[in-house]
Amino acid sequence: MAGNAGRDVQHWNGVAQAWIQWARTPGHDVFWAYRAALAAYIGQGRGQALEVGCGEGRVSRLLASLGYEVTAAEPVPRLLEAARQAESAQRYVACEASRLPFADGSFDLVVAYNVLMDIEDMPAALAEMRRVMRPAATLVVSIVHPLADAGRYDGDAPDAPFIVTQPYFGRKPFEGSESRNGLTMSFFGWTQPLHAYADALEAAGLAITSLREPVPEASPAASGLERWKRLPLFLWLKAQRLPPA
């Protein structure tokens, strides 16, 4: 796979161990300030769930706790093995999002948590997700909010102004690193406007049925996130299959 892997997969192959430490350090990553709200948004369920791009498995573990039988899919071997070691799912499959090795209509729920902005061919990945969804299945997507990607806060104060530093429109690669509490994590992906995601969903035969702009909960995990109660850091949506034309 390595010779044919896209730039996104190559990046995560290189930072897999750093991500495992970053994601699993208690209360370190912002995920923990949104976890309860994400669980409520997905809701208790049953049936077959697929997480595309499971990473080290924390969202797969959440899906299992909600009652689903989970298949964790991930193209980076070290991350998939970490998910397996943590008993995150019932099945583990090494694959890229644009080439899912599952039969048509295999899943009742498909989840893509903070992965679409990392995928080189996002429309192809959404088409594959739609293909493996059962007729009444739901797709749950989380992305970094496109507006948050267009700028930065001018300082660490809760009331610091948000400054737009780059054009909102267009698709652009981004690279950066973040250091906090002795840990450093490098990120890579693409920024693109909200309509690019909506267009790709529509082209794949999916219709948005719900949209949320969550706020971080008041907890130790939300330390330093007060400013993200003024502007959304993430965007969540649900989509379902459009009926045949």
Protein backbone atom coordinates (compact mmCIF):
# COMPACT_ATOMS: atom_id res chain seq x y z
CA MET A 1 0.00 0.00 0.00
CA ALA A 2 2.80 2.41 0.83
CA GLY A 3 3.90 2.89 -2.78
CA ASN A 4 0.40 3.90 -3.88
CA ALA A 5 -0.63 5.74 -0.74
CA GLY A 6 -1.75 9.34 -1.09
CA ARG A 7 -0.07 12.23 0.64
CA ASP A 8 -2.59 12.03 3.45
CA VAL A 9 -1.82 8.38 4.25
CA GLN A 10 1.92 9.00 4.00
CA HIS A 11 1.60 11.82 6.54
CA TRP A 12 -0.31 9.71 9.07
CA ASN A 13 2.11 6.82 8.61
CA GLY A 14 4.85 9.21 9.73
CA VAL A 15 3.06 10.62 12.79
CA ALA A 16 1.09 7.56 13.95
CA GLN A 17 2.91 7.10 17.25
CA ALA A 18 2.74 10.80 18.07
CA TRP A 19 -1.00 10.77 17.40
CA ILE A 20 -1.60 7.76 19.64
CA GLN A 21 0.09 9.56 22.52
CA TRP A 22 -1.68 12.85 21.74
CA ALA A 23 -5.12 11.24 21.49
CA ARG A 24 -4.78 8.99 24.54
CA THR A 25 -3.31 11.44 27.04
CA PRO A 26 -6.30 12.06 29.36
CA GLY A 27 -8.03 15.37 28.72
CA HIS A 28 -5.30 16.52 26.31
CA ASP A 29 -7.02 16.62 22.93
CA VAL A 30 -10.08 18.83 22.38
CA PHE A 31 -12.08 15.68 21.51
CA TRP A 32 -12.76 15.14 25.20
CA ALA A 33 -14.56 18.47 25.51
CA TYR A 34 -16.99 17.40 22.76
CA ARG A 35 -17.29 13.65 23.42
CA ALA A 36 -20.51 13.74 25.43
CA ALA A 37 -22.22 15.97 22.87
CA LEU A 38 -21.04 13.69 20.06
CA ALA A 39 -22.45 10.65 21.83
CA ALA A 40 -25.79 12.43 22.25
CA TYR A 41 -25.81 13.49 18.60
CA ILE A 42 -25.19 9.96 17.35
CA GLY A 43 -27.51 8.43 19.95
CA GLN A 44 -28.00 4.91 21.22
CA GLY A 45 -28.40 2.40 18.45
CA ARG A 46 -28.02 -1.13 17.22
CA GLY A 47 -26.88 -2.82 14.06
CA GLN A 48 -23.73 -2.58 11.99
CA ALA A 49 -21.60 0.56 12.22
CA LEU A 50 -18.52 1.45 10.19
CA GLU A 51 -15.98 4.04 11.26
CA VAL A 52 -13.93 5.25 8.29
CA GLY A 53 -10.47 6.40 9.33
CA CYS A 54 -10.69 5.11 12.89
CA GLY A 55 -7.22 6.21 13.95
CA GLU A 56 -6.38 4.76 17.35
CA GLY A 57 -10.02 3.85 17.92
CA ARG A 58 -11.58 6.33 20.33
CA VAL A 59 -14.70 6.99 18.21
CA SER A 60 -15.09 3.27 17.48
CA ARG A 61 -15.06 2.67 21.23
CA LEU A 62 -17.72 5.35 21.62
CA LEU A 63 -19.89 3.68 18.96
CA ALA A 64 -19.54 0.32 20.70
CA SER A 65 -20.60 1.92 24.00
CA LEU A 66 -23.72 3.23 22.24
CA GLY A 67 -24.77 -0.30 21.28
CA TYR A 68 -23.41 -0.75 17.75
CA GLU A 69 -21.44 -3.67 16.35
CA VAL A 70 -18.45 -1.79 14.98
CA THR A 71 -16.11 -2.28 12.05
CA ALA A 72 -13.03 -0.05 12.32
CA ALA A 73 -11.42 0.85 8.99
CA GLU A 74 -8.01 2.55 8.77
CA PRO A 75 -5.21 2.65 6.14
CA VAL A 76 -2.32 3.24 8.58
CA PRO A 77 -1.17 -0.11 10.05
CA ARG A 78 0.19 1.30 13.33
CA LEU A 79 -3.06 3.12 14.05
CA LEU A 80 -5.22 0.11 13.17
CA GLU A 81 -3.12 -2.08 15.45
CA ALA A 82 -3.49 0.45 18.27
CA ALA A 83 -7.28 0.35 17.80
CA ARG A 84 -7.17 -3.45 17.90
CA GLN A 85 -5.04 -3.51 21.05
CA ALA A 86 -7.57 -1.22 22.76
CA GLU A 87 -10.43 -3.56 21.76
CA SER A 88 -12.13 -0.66 20.00
CA ALA A 89 -14.38 -2.67 17.65
CA GLN A 90 -15.56 -6.11 16.65
CA ARG A 91 -13.72 -6.09 13.29
CA TYR A 92 -10.66 -4.28 11.91
CA VAL A 93 -10.02 -3.66 8.22
CA ALA A 94 -6.99 -2.05 6.59
CA CYS A 95 -8.25 0.10 3.73
CA GLU A 96 -8.42 3.63 2.36
CA ALA A 97 -11.68 5.55 2.44
CA SER A 98 -11.93 5.68 -1.35
CA ARG A 99 -11.65 1.87 -1.64
CA LEU A 100 -13.84 0.27 1.01
CA PRO A 101 -13.74 -3.56 0.72
CA PHE A 102 -17.36 -4.10 1.76
CA ALA A 103 -20.44 -5.21 -0.14
CA ASP A 104 -23.08 -2.69 -1.14
CA GLY A 105 -25.52 -1.90 1.66
CA SER A 106 -23.51 -3.43 4.51
CA PHE A 107 -23.98 -0.86 7.29
CA ASP A 108 -26.71 0.86 9.29
CA LEU A 109 -24.40 3.68 10.38
CA VAL A 110 -21.23 5.10 8.82
CA VAL A 111 -19.11 7.60 10.75
CA ALA A 112 -16.34 9.82 9.37
CA TYR A 113 -14.99 11.72 12.37
CA ASN A 114 -12.52 14.49 11.45
CA VAL A 115 -11.29 12.54 8.45
CA LEU A 116 -12.84 14.10 5.33
CA MET A 117 -10.54 17.13 5.49
CA ASP A 118 -7.55 14.74 5.55
CA ILE A 119 -8.58 12.67 2.51
CA GLU A 120 -7.00 13.48 -0.83
CA ASP A 121 -10.07 12.43 -2.88
CA MET A 122 -12.94 13.42 -0.60
CA PRO A 123 -15.73 13.02 -3.23
CA ALA A 124 -14.60 9.45 -4.00
CA ALA A 125 -14.58 8.61 -0.29
CA LEU A 126 -18.13 9.90 0.16
CA ALA A 127 -19.29 7.90 -2.85
CA GLU A 128 -17.85 4.77 -1.26
CA MET A 129 -19.50 5.53 2.07
CA ARG A 130 -22.85 5.94 0.35
CA ARG A 131 -22.35 2.65 -1.51
CA VAL A 132 -21.89 0.63 1.68
CA MET A 133 -24.86 2.25 3.47
CA ARG A 134 -28.15 0.38 3.73
CA PRO A 135 -31.20 2.24 2.33
CA ALA A 136 -32.21 3.66 5.72
CA ALA A 137 -28.66 4.10 7.03
CA THR A 138 -27.21 7.33 8.40
CA LEU A 139 -23.85 8.92 7.70
CA VAL A 140 -22.40 11.01 10.55
CA VAL A 141 -19.62 13.44 9.64
CA SER A 142 -17.44 15.68 11.79
CA ILE A 143 -15.06 18.19 10.22
CA VAL A 144 -13.08 21.15 11.48
CA HIS A 145 -15.40 24.06 10.74
CA PRO A 146 -14.39 25.66 7.42
CA LEU A 147 -14.61 29.12 8.99
CA ALA A 148 -12.22 28.11 11.79
CA ASP A 149 -9.80 26.91 9.13
CA ALA A 150 -9.78 30.37 7.51
CA GLY A 151 -8.12 32.20 10.38
CA ARG A 152 -6.87 32.25 13.94
CA TYR A 153 -7.49 33.94 17.28
CA ASP A 154 -5.17 36.87 17.96
CA GLY A 155 -3.96 35.67 21.35
CA ASP A 156 -4.99 33.21 24.06
CA ALA A 157 -7.46 35.41 25.94
CA PRO A 158 -11.11 34.23 25.88
CA ASP A 159 -12.13 37.50 24.22
CA ALA A 160 -9.28 37.62 21.69
CA PRO A 161 -10.50 38.67 18.23
CA PHE A 162 -10.67 36.09 15.48
CA ILE A 163 -8.69 37.18 12.42
CA VAL A 164 -9.38 35.79 8.95
CA THR A 165 -5.93 35.19 7.51
CA GLN A 166 -6.65 33.42 4.22
CA PRO A 167 -9.41 33.21 1.60
CA TYR A 168 -12.37 31.11 2.68
CA PHE A 169 -13.11 29.87 -0.85
CA GLY A 170 -11.04 27.35 -2.77
CA ARG A 171 -9.32 24.11 -1.80
CA LYS A 172 -5.86 24.49 -0.28
CA PRO A 173 -3.48 22.09 1.48
CA PHE A 174 -2.52 22.91 5.04
CA GLU A 175 0.35 21.77 7.22
CA GLY A 176 1.07 22.75 10.78
CA SER A 177 2.06 21.55 14.20
CA GLU A 178 0.74 22.11 17.69
CA SER A 179 2.67 21.78 20.93
CA ARG A 180 1.00 21.56 24.31
CA ASN A 181 1.95 20.09 27.68
CA GLY A 182 5.14 18.58 26.34
CA LEU A 183 3.50 16.89 23.34
CA THR A 184 3.82 17.93 19.70
CA MET A 185 1.54 16.84 16.86
CA SER A 186 1.90 17.58 13.14
CA PHE A 187 -1.22 17.91 11.02
CA PHE A 188 -1.82 17.82 7.28
CA GLY A 189 -4.93 18.05 5.15
CA TRP A 190 -7.00 20.36 2.97
CA THR A 191 -9.12 23.38 3.78
CA GLN A 192 -12.24 23.93 1.70
CA PRO A 193 -15.53 25.78 2.04
CA LEU A 194 -18.69 24.22 3.37
CA HIS A 195 -20.28 24.10 -0.07
CA ALA A 196 -17.47 21.77 -1.26
CA TYR A 197 -18.60 19.19 1.28
CA ALA A 198 -22.27 19.77 0.42
CA ASP A 199 -21.54 19.41 -3.30
CA ALA A 200 -19.63 16.16 -2.73
CA LEU A 201 -22.45 14.76 -0.60
CA GLU A 202 -25.02 15.61 -3.25
CA ALA A 203 -22.87 14.14 -6.03
CA ALA A 204 -22.56 10.93 -4.01
CA GLY A 205 -26.34 10.68 -3.69
CA LEU A 206 -26.57 11.85 -0.09
CA ALA A 207 -28.80 14.52 1.46
CA ILE A 208 -27.98 16.42 4.65
CA THR A 209 -30.69 15.81 7.24
CA SER A 210 -29.15 17.46 10.31
CA LEU A 211 -26.40 19.95 11.12
CA ARG A 212 -24.76 21.01 14.40
CA GLU A 213 -22.07 23.50 15.42
CA PRO A 214 -21.17 22.10 18.86
CA VAL A 215 -19.71 24.06 21.76
CA PRO A 216 -17.18 22.57 24.21
CA GLU A 217 -18.62 21.46 27.51
CA ALA A 218 -17.48 22.95 30.82
CA SER A 219 -14.95 20.41 32.07
CA PRO A 220 -11.19 20.04 32.67
CA ALA A 221 -10.95 18.88 29.05
CA ALA A 222 -12.35 22.24 27.93
CA SER A 223 -9.58 24.27 29.58
CA GLY A 224 -8.53 27.02 27.18
CA LEU A 225 -11.51 26.42 24.87
CA GLU A 226 -13.79 29.23 26.09
CA ARG A 227 -13.18 31.18 22.90
CA TRP A 228 -14.62 28.30 20.88
CA LYS A 229 -17.97 29.07 22.48
CA ARG A 230 -17.95 32.28 20.40
CA LEU A 231 -17.08 30.63 17.08
CA PRO A 232 -17.53 26.96 16.15
CA LEU A 233 -14.43 24.78 16.00
CA PHE A 234 -16.28 21.79 14.52
CA LEU A 235 -19.22 21.13 12.26
CA TRP A 236 -21.26 17.93 12.54
CA LEU A 237 -23.84 16.68 10.09
CA LYS A 238 -25.98 13.67 9.32
CA ALA A 239 -26.85 12.53 5.82
CA GLN A 240 -29.00 9.82 4.29
CA ARG A 241 -29.22 8.22 0.88
CA LEU A 242 -31.27 10.03 -1.73
CA PRO A 243 -33.82 7.79 -3.46
CA PRO A 244 -32.96 6.72 -7.02
CA ALA A 245 -33.86 9.34 -9.65
